[in-house]
């Protein structure tokens, strides 16, 4: 009985070992294949990491070659192609970059955000905003980076009417602070106003749609007033500037006030003289009063205001106005003196700007 038990146990163990040996022999090729695949994948990922290190180190030539090699080794093709395309873009190798971009075409059903955003970024850098916007349109939902790129694209092609809504979204996502968002919106409204300077109806409609808080903002008011003045609507320009200056004083806007072709220059003079009570040392305001008085042929007042402007802040514009005034009054020596002073100030200003 004992021998039978030992024989049975030994037979079971031998059979088990034989079965395991057969199973191992059968599975050996697949195990070897899996091992090789794992080694190949690890090598591919290692090569891709190397490509990323080279890219972020700014060694674009090495990064491009290494990324291409990683794709050949089996690394994710989309990541490798993006790195290679960005590297070629950094090298300004537009031909190779465009070749990579063709391989980055996003599928209409499930667009890949990484490839779409990367392609749009490179197209914008290459001053191809229309193509960049068409690429971004493939995304069903735009994340923050895509919205930033879309804003750049809209600005590049002059679609400023779409910019405020994008700025609102970016402010909500924390890309822009409140001050930055306001500055971006003001810039967008200024651009829109400047582009309406050839269309009186469109300009008036835009001004009505403009939010109230921007109508009195200095830079926006200046753009609007300049656009109205170009169209010969001086009275509207004057009203815009007066409203803005009453809210926030700005000397640059005062200068534009004197250039507006209003039909009632006397009323402008009265308004400017009221401002002068609070801004007696403002050279731009004194210059504007001198111009307005000269326009009405009030030569004595014009000369007085212009001389006061030169005394407060000697500028080539004030000296030039005085020179032209003396020319009209046939005071040759005085005119020559102020022409010379105006020229000297203008040359000095140019030298400072170029230096």
Protein backbone atom coordinates (compact mmCIF):
# COMPACT_ATOMS: atom_id res chain seq x y z
CA UNK A 1 0.00 0.00 0.00
CA UNK A 2 2.78 2.41 0.85
CA UNK A 3 4.53 1.68 -2.41
CA UNK A 4 1.29 2.30 -4.32
CA UNK A 5 0.82 5.62 -2.55
CA UNK A 6 4.39 6.72 -3.28
CA UNK A 7 4.04 5.59 -6.89
CA UNK A 8 0.78 7.49 -7.30
CA UNK A 9 2.21 10.69 -5.81
CA UNK A 10 5.36 10.41 -7.86
CA UNK A 11 3.33 9.85 -11.00
CA UNK A 12 1.19 12.90 -10.28
CA UNK A 13 4.25 15.08 -9.66
CA UNK A 14 5.95 13.82 -12.79
CA UNK A 15 2.81 14.40 -14.84
CA UNK A 16 2.43 17.90 -13.44
CA UNK A 17 6.03 18.76 -14.21
CA UNK A 18 5.73 17.34 -17.70
CA UNK A 19 2.55 19.34 -18.29
CA UNK A 20 4.20 22.56 -17.08
CA UNK A 21 7.16 21.86 -19.32
CA UNK A 22 4.88 21.39 -22.32
CA UNK A 23 2.96 24.59 -21.51
CA UNK A 24 6.19 26.52 -21.10
CA UNK A 25 7.49 25.19 -24.41
CA UNK A 26 4.27 26.19 -26.16
CA UNK A 27 4.19 29.69 -24.59
CA UNK A 28 7.90 30.37 -25.03
CA UNK A 29 7.66 32.09 -28.45
CA UNK A 30 4.88 34.43 -27.28
CA UNK A 31 6.81 35.21 -24.09
CA UNK A 32 9.90 36.01 -26.09
CA UNK A 33 7.82 38.22 -28.39
CA UNK A 34 6.29 40.04 -25.42
CA UNK A 35 9.71 40.51 -23.88
CA UNK A 36 11.06 41.95 -27.11
CA UNK A 37 8.01 44.20 -27.46
CA UNK A 38 8.49 45.47 -23.92
CA UNK A 39 12.16 46.17 -24.56
CA UNK A 40 11.31 47.94 -27.83
CA UNK A 41 8.63 50.03 -26.16
CA UNK A 42 10.94 50.99 -23.31
CA UNK A 43 13.60 51.99 -25.85
CA UNK A 44 11.04 54.03 -27.82
CA UNK A 45 9.85 55.86 -24.70
CA UNK A 46 13.43 56.50 -23.67
CA UNK A 47 14.16 57.97 -27.09
CA UNK A 48 11.02 60.13 -26.87
CA UNK A 49 12.09 61.44 -23.46
CA UNK A 50 15.46 62.28 -24.96
CA UNK A 51 13.72 64.14 -27.82
CA UNK A 52 11.66 66.15 -25.33
CA UNK A 53 14.77 67.05 -23.33
CA UNK A 54 16.50 68.23 -26.49
CA UNK A 55 13.44 70.24 -27.54
CA UNK A 56 13.04 72.05 -24.24
CA UNK A 57 16.79 72.67 -24.19
CA UNK A 58 16.42 74.49 -27.49
CA UNK A 59 18.46 71.98 -29.50
CA UNK A 60 15.84 71.68 -32.20
CA UNK A 61 17.91 69.83 -34.80
CA UNK A 62 18.67 67.02 -32.36
CA UNK A 63 15.10 67.02 -31.09
CA UNK A 64 13.67 66.62 -34.60
CA UNK A 65 15.93 63.67 -35.45
CA UNK A 66 15.42 62.00 -32.09
CA UNK A 67 11.63 62.38 -32.27
CA UNK A 68 11.58 60.82 -35.75
CA UNK A 69 13.68 57.92 -34.46
CA UNK A 70 11.33 57.46 -31.49
CA UNK A 71 8.35 57.15 -33.84
CA UNK A 72 10.20 54.53 -35.87
CA UNK A 73 10.88 52.60 -32.65
CA UNK A 74 7.18 52.55 -31.81
CA UNK A 75 6.60 55.66 -29.66
CA UNK A 76 3.17 57.34 -30.02
CA UNK A 77 3.20 58.80 -33.51
CA UNK A 78 1.14 61.90 -32.70
CA UNK A 79 3.47 63.03 -29.90
CA UNK A 80 6.56 62.32 -31.94
CA UNK A 81 5.27 64.18 -34.98
CA UNK A 82 4.26 67.17 -32.87
CA UNK A 83 7.74 67.37 -31.34
CA UNK A 84 9.37 67.00 -34.75
CA UNK A 85 7.09 69.64 -36.27
CA UNK A 86 7.72 72.09 -33.43
CA UNK A 87 11.45 71.48 -33.74
CA UNK A 88 11.40 72.11 -37.49
CA UNK A 89 9.33 75.23 -36.80
CA UNK A 90 11.98 76.43 -34.36
CA UNK A 91 14.62 75.88 -37.05
CA UNK A 92 12.47 77.77 -39.59
CA UNK A 93 12.57 74.68 -41.79
CA UNK A 94 9.17 75.44 -43.25
CA UNK A 95 9.23 72.65 -45.81
CA UNK A 96 9.84 69.91 -43.26
CA UNK A 97 7.45 71.53 -40.81
CA UNK A 98 4.65 71.62 -43.39
CA UNK A 99 5.31 67.97 -44.13
CA UNK A 100 4.77 67.15 -40.47
CA UNK A 101 1.67 69.37 -40.38
CA UNK A 102 0.11 67.33 -43.15
CA UNK A 103 0.48 64.27 -40.96
CA UNK A 104 -1.17 66.11 -38.07
CA UNK A 105 -4.56 66.37 -39.75
CA UNK A 106 -7.20 65.98 -37.07
CA UNK A 107 -10.12 63.63 -37.60
CA UNK A 108 -13.46 65.39 -37.96
CA UNK A 109 -15.24 63.00 -35.59
CA UNK A 110 -12.79 63.03 -32.67
CA UNK A 111 -10.22 65.79 -33.16
CA UNK A 112 -7.11 65.51 -31.07
CA UNK A 113 -6.66 68.71 -29.05
CA UNK A 114 -2.88 68.30 -28.88
CA UNK A 115 -2.41 68.17 -32.64
CA UNK A 116 -5.00 70.88 -33.32
CA UNK A 117 -3.51 73.36 -30.86
CA UNK A 118 0.07 72.62 -31.93
CA UNK A 119 -0.79 73.08 -35.59
CA UNK A 120 -2.72 76.29 -34.90
CA UNK A 121 0.17 77.70 -32.87
CA UNK A 122 2.65 77.13 -35.67
CA UNK A 123 0.29 78.55 -38.29
CA UNK A 124 -0.18 81.72 -36.23
CA UNK A 125 3.57 82.09 -35.79
CA UNK A 126 3.84 81.78 -39.57
CA UNK A 127 1.27 84.57 -40.06
CA UNK A 128 -1.41 82.27 -41.44
CA UNK A 129 -4.30 83.19 -39.11
CA UNK A 130 -7.10 82.06 -41.42
CA UNK A 131 -5.68 78.53 -41.56
CA UNK A 132 -5.10 78.56 -37.81
CA UNK A 133 -8.72 79.51 -37.13
CA UNK A 134 -9.95 76.83 -39.52
CA UNK A 135 -7.83 74.30 -37.63
CA UNK A 136 -9.16 75.43 -34.23
CA UNK A 137 -12.72 75.11 -35.55
CA UNK A 138 -12.21 71.32 -35.53
CA UNK A 139 -12.37 71.33 -31.73
CA UNK A 140 -15.95 70.85 -30.47
CA UNK A 141 -15.04 72.51 -27.17
CA UNK A 142 -12.11 74.89 -26.85
CA UNK A 143 -9.98 74.82 -23.74
CA UNK A 144 -8.00 77.80 -22.47
CA UNK A 145 -4.99 77.48 -24.78
CA UNK A 146 -7.27 77.16 -27.81
CA UNK A 147 -9.22 80.26 -26.77
CA UNK A 148 -6.00 82.25 -26.46
CA UNK A 149 -4.95 81.17 -29.93
CA UNK A 150 -8.37 82.03 -31.32
CA UNK A 151 -8.14 85.51 -29.82
CA UNK A 152 -4.75 86.01 -31.50
CA UNK A 153 -6.14 84.81 -34.79
CA UNK A 154 -9.19 87.06 -34.63
CA UNK A 155 -7.00 90.03 -33.82
CA UNK A 156 -4.62 89.22 -36.68
CA UNK A 157 -7.36 89.23 -39.31
CA UNK A 158 -9.16 92.25 -37.85
CA UNK A 159 -12.22 90.50 -36.43
CA UNK A 160 -12.25 92.82 -33.44
CA UNK A 161 -16.01 92.51 -32.97
CA UNK A 162 -15.48 88.90 -31.79
CA UNK A 163 -12.64 89.79 -29.43
CA UNK A 164 -14.63 91.08 -26.38
CA UNK A 165 -16.50 87.77 -25.94
CA UNK A 166 -13.24 85.80 -26.08
CA UNK A 167 -11.63 88.19 -23.60
CA UNK A 168 -14.58 87.65 -21.22
CA UNK A 169 -14.04 83.87 -21.33
CA UNK A 170 -10.30 84.19 -20.77
CA UNK A 171 -10.86 86.52 -17.83
CA UNK A 172 -13.23 83.99 -16.23
CA UNK A 173 -10.56 81.30 -16.63
CA UNK A 174 -7.92 83.45 -14.97
CA UNK A 175 -5.78 84.05 -18.06
CA UNK A 176 -6.31 87.82 -17.81
CA UNK A 177 -6.55 89.81 -14.64
CA UNK A 178 -9.36 92.36 -14.43
CA UNK A 179 -6.99 95.17 -15.46
CA UNK A 180 -5.51 93.17 -18.34
CA UNK A 181 -8.97 92.23 -19.59
CA UNK A 182 -10.08 95.86 -19.51
CA UNK A 183 -6.98 96.92 -21.42
CA UNK A 184 -7.62 94.22 -24.05
CA UNK A 185 -11.26 95.26 -24.41
CA UNK A 186 -10.33 98.92 -24.77
CA UNK A 187 -7.83 97.99 -27.47
CA UNK A 188 -10.49 95.98 -29.30
CA UNK A 189 -13.00 98.84 -29.20
CA UNK A 190 -10.37 101.30 -30.41
CA UNK A 191 -9.54 99.08 -33.36
CA UNK A 192 -13.22 98.73 -34.23
CA UNK A 193 -13.72 102.49 -34.12
CA UNK A 194 -10.68 103.15 -36.29
CA UNK A 195 -11.95 100.67 -38.88
CA UNK A 196 -15.29 102.47 -39.05
CA UNK A 197 -13.68 105.81 -39.95
CA UNK A 198 -14.86 105.46 -43.55
CA UNK A 199 -18.47 104.56 -42.75
CA UNK A 200 -20.55 107.21 -41.00
CA UNK A 201 -23.57 104.96 -40.47
CA UNK A 202 -21.50 102.07 -39.17
CA UNK A 203 -19.52 104.37 -36.88
CA UNK A 204 -22.66 105.88 -35.34
CA UNK A 205 -24.18 102.44 -34.84
CA UNK A 206 -21.00 101.16 -33.20
CA UNK A 207 -20.81 104.16 -30.89
CA UNK A 208 -24.39 103.51 -29.75
CA UNK A 209 -23.57 99.86 -29.02
CA UNK A 210 -20.41 100.72 -27.13
CA UNK A 211 -20.79 100.05 -23.37
CA UNK A 212 -21.15 103.26 -21.40
CA UNK A 213 -18.02 102.72 -19.32
CA UNK A 214 -15.87 102.78 -22.45
CA UNK A 215 -17.38 105.89 -24.00
CA UNK A 216 -15.64 108.15 -21.50
CA UNK A 217 -12.40 106.18 -21.40
CA UNK A 218 -9.69 108.45 -22.78
CA UNK A 219 -8.12 106.24 -25.43
CA UNK A 220 -11.47 104.95 -26.72
CA UNK A 221 -12.91 108.47 -26.82
CA UNK A 222 -9.85 109.67 -28.74
CA UNK A 223 -10.25 106.92 -31.35
CA UNK A 224 -13.96 107.66 -31.72
CA UNK A 225 -13.46 111.42 -31.95
CA UNK A 226 -10.73 111.03 -34.56
CA UNK A 227 -12.96 108.73 -36.62
CA UNK A 228 -15.92 111.15 -36.47
CA UNK A 229 -13.67 114.09 -37.31
CA UNK A 230 -12.27 112.31 -40.39
CA UNK A 231 -15.84 111.88 -41.65
CA UNK A 232 -16.52 115.60 -41.20
CA UNK A 233 -18.69 115.05 -38.12
CA UNK A 234 -16.82 117.53 -35.97
CA UNK A 235 -19.71 118.32 -33.63
CA UNK A 236 -20.04 114.65 -32.66
CA UNK A 237 -16.28 114.48 -32.11
CA UNK A 238 -16.36 117.56 -29.89
CA UNK A 239 -19.21 116.14 -27.79
CA UNK A 240 -17.32 112.86 -27.25
CA UNK A 241 -14.16 114.64 -26.14
CA UNK A 242 -16.01 117.00 -23.81
CA UNK A 243 -17.77 114.10 -22.11
CA UNK A 244 -14.51 112.21 -21.66
CA UNK A 245 -12.56 115.22 -20.37
CA UNK A 246 -15.26 116.02 -17.85
CA UNK A 247 -14.87 112.49 -16.48
CA UNK A 248 -11.06 112.20 -16.67
CA UNK A 249 -8.63 114.93 -17.71
CA UNK A 250 -6.13 113.99 -20.39
CA UNK A 251 -3.90 116.56 -22.09
CA UNK A 252 -3.53 114.48 -25.25
CA UNK A 253 -7.29 114.51 -25.72
CA UNK A 254 -7.32 118.29 -25.32
CA UNK A 255 -4.97 118.59 -28.30
CA UNK A 256 -7.41 116.58 -30.44
CA UNK A 257 -10.20 118.87 -29.23
CA UNK A 258 -8.53 121.81 -30.95
CA UNK A 259 -8.25 119.87 -34.21
CA UNK A 260 -11.94 119.00 -34.47
CA UNK A 261 -13.77 120.89 -37.20
CA UNK A 262 -16.84 121.94 -35.22
CA UNK A 263 -19.27 124.45 -36.67
CA UNK A 264 -19.31 126.36 -33.37
CA UNK A 265 -15.71 127.17 -32.48
CA UNK A 266 -16.80 129.98 -30.14
CA UNK A 267 -18.62 127.50 -27.92
CA UNK A 268 -15.46 125.36 -27.91
CA UNK A 269 -13.43 128.37 -26.77
CA UNK A 270 -15.87 129.05 -23.93
CA UNK A 271 -15.73 125.41 -22.83
CA UNK A 272 -11.93 125.33 -22.97
CA UNK A 273 -11.68 128.56 -20.98
CA UNK A 274 -13.81 126.96 -18.24
CA UNK A 275 -11.37 124.04 -18.17
CA UNK A 276 -8.51 126.53 -17.93
CA UNK A 277 -9.72 127.62 -14.50
CA UNK A 278 -8.72 124.23 -13.12
CA UNK A 279 -5.79 123.50 -15.44
CA UNK A 280 -3.94 126.80 -15.74
CA UNK A 281 -0.54 125.16 -16.24
CA UNK A 282 -1.61 122.74 -18.95
CA UNK A 283 0.42 123.60 -22.04
CA UNK A 284 -1.76 121.45 -24.33
CA UNK A 285 -4.91 123.26 -23.22
CA UNK A 286 -3.29 126.67 -23.79
CA UNK A 287 -2.13 125.51 -27.25
CA UNK A 288 -5.67 124.33 -28.07
CA UNK A 289 -7.13 127.68 -27.01
CA UNK A 290 -4.58 129.46 -29.18
CA UNK A 291 -5.56 127.34 -32.20
CA UNK A 292 -9.26 127.84 -31.64
CA UNK A 293 -8.86 131.61 -31.26
CA UNK A 294 -6.70 131.76 -34.40
CA UNK A 295 -9.40 129.85 -36.28
CA UNK A 296 -11.86 132.59 -35.27
CA UNK A 297 -9.29 135.28 -36.15
CA UNK A 298 -9.08 136.42 -32.55
CA UNK A 299 -5.43 137.26 -33.09
CA UNK A 300 -4.71 138.94 -29.78
CA UNK A 301 -6.18 136.15 -27.67
CA UNK A 302 -4.57 133.53 -29.89
CA UNK A 303 -1.12 135.08 -29.45
CA UNK A 304 -1.62 135.39 -25.70
CA UNK A 305 -2.61 131.75 -25.29
CA UNK A 306 0.16 130.47 -27.57
CA UNK A 307 2.83 132.49 -25.77
CA UNK A 308 1.50 131.15 -22.44
CA UNK A 309 1.71 127.63 -23.83
CA UNK A 310 5.35 128.17 -24.86
CA UNK A 311 6.12 129.59 -21.44
CA UNK A 312 4.57 126.61 -19.65
CA UNK A 313 5.76 123.88 -22.02
CA UNK A 314 7.85 124.88 -25.05
CA UNK A 315 6.92 122.48 -27.85
CA UNK A 316 7.56 122.58 -31.57
CA UNK A 317 3.76 122.62 -32.15
CA UNK A 318 3.28 125.75 -30.05
CA UNK A 319 6.23 127.53 -31.68
CA UNK A 320 4.92 126.51 -35.12
CA UNK A 321 1.46 127.90 -34.35
CA UNK A 322 3.04 131.15 -33.18
CA UNK A 323 5.18 131.32 -36.32
CA UNK A 324 2.14 130.84 -38.54
CA UNK A 325 0.22 133.46 -36.55
CA UNK A 326 2.99 136.01 -37.01
CA UNK A 327 3.10 135.09 -40.72
CA UNK A 328 -0.57 135.97 -41.06
CA UNK A 329 0.06 139.26 -39.27
CA UNK A 330 3.14 139.89 -41.51
CA UNK A 331 5.57 139.95 -38.61
CA UNK A 332 8.46 138.41 -40.49
CA UNK A 333 11.14 138.52 -37.78
CA UNK A 334 8.88 137.06 -35.09
CA UNK A 335 7.70 134.37 -37.48
CA UNK A 336 11.29 133.46 -38.39
CA UNK A 337 12.27 133.23 -34.72
CA UNK A 338 9.46 130.82 -33.88
CA UNK A 339 10.01 128.77 -37.03
CA UNK A 340 13.63 128.32 -35.98
CA UNK A 341 12.64 127.37 -32.42
CA UNK A 342 10.07 124.90 -33.73
CA UNK A 343 12.62 123.27 -36.01
CA UNK A 344 15.20 122.97 -33.23
CA UNK A 345 12.70 121.31 -30.90
CA UNK A 346 11.54 118.91 -33.62
CA UNK A 347 15.13 117.90 -34.46
CA UNK A 348 15.93 117.43 -30.78
CA UNK A 349 12.87 115.24 -30.33
CA UNK A 350 13.85 113.09 -33.32
CA UNK A 351 17.39 112.67 -31.99
CA UNK A 352 16.11 111.62 -28.57
CA UNK A 353 13.74 109.10 -30.15
CA UNK A 354 16.44 107.62 -32.39
CA UNK A 355 19.04 107.62 -29.64
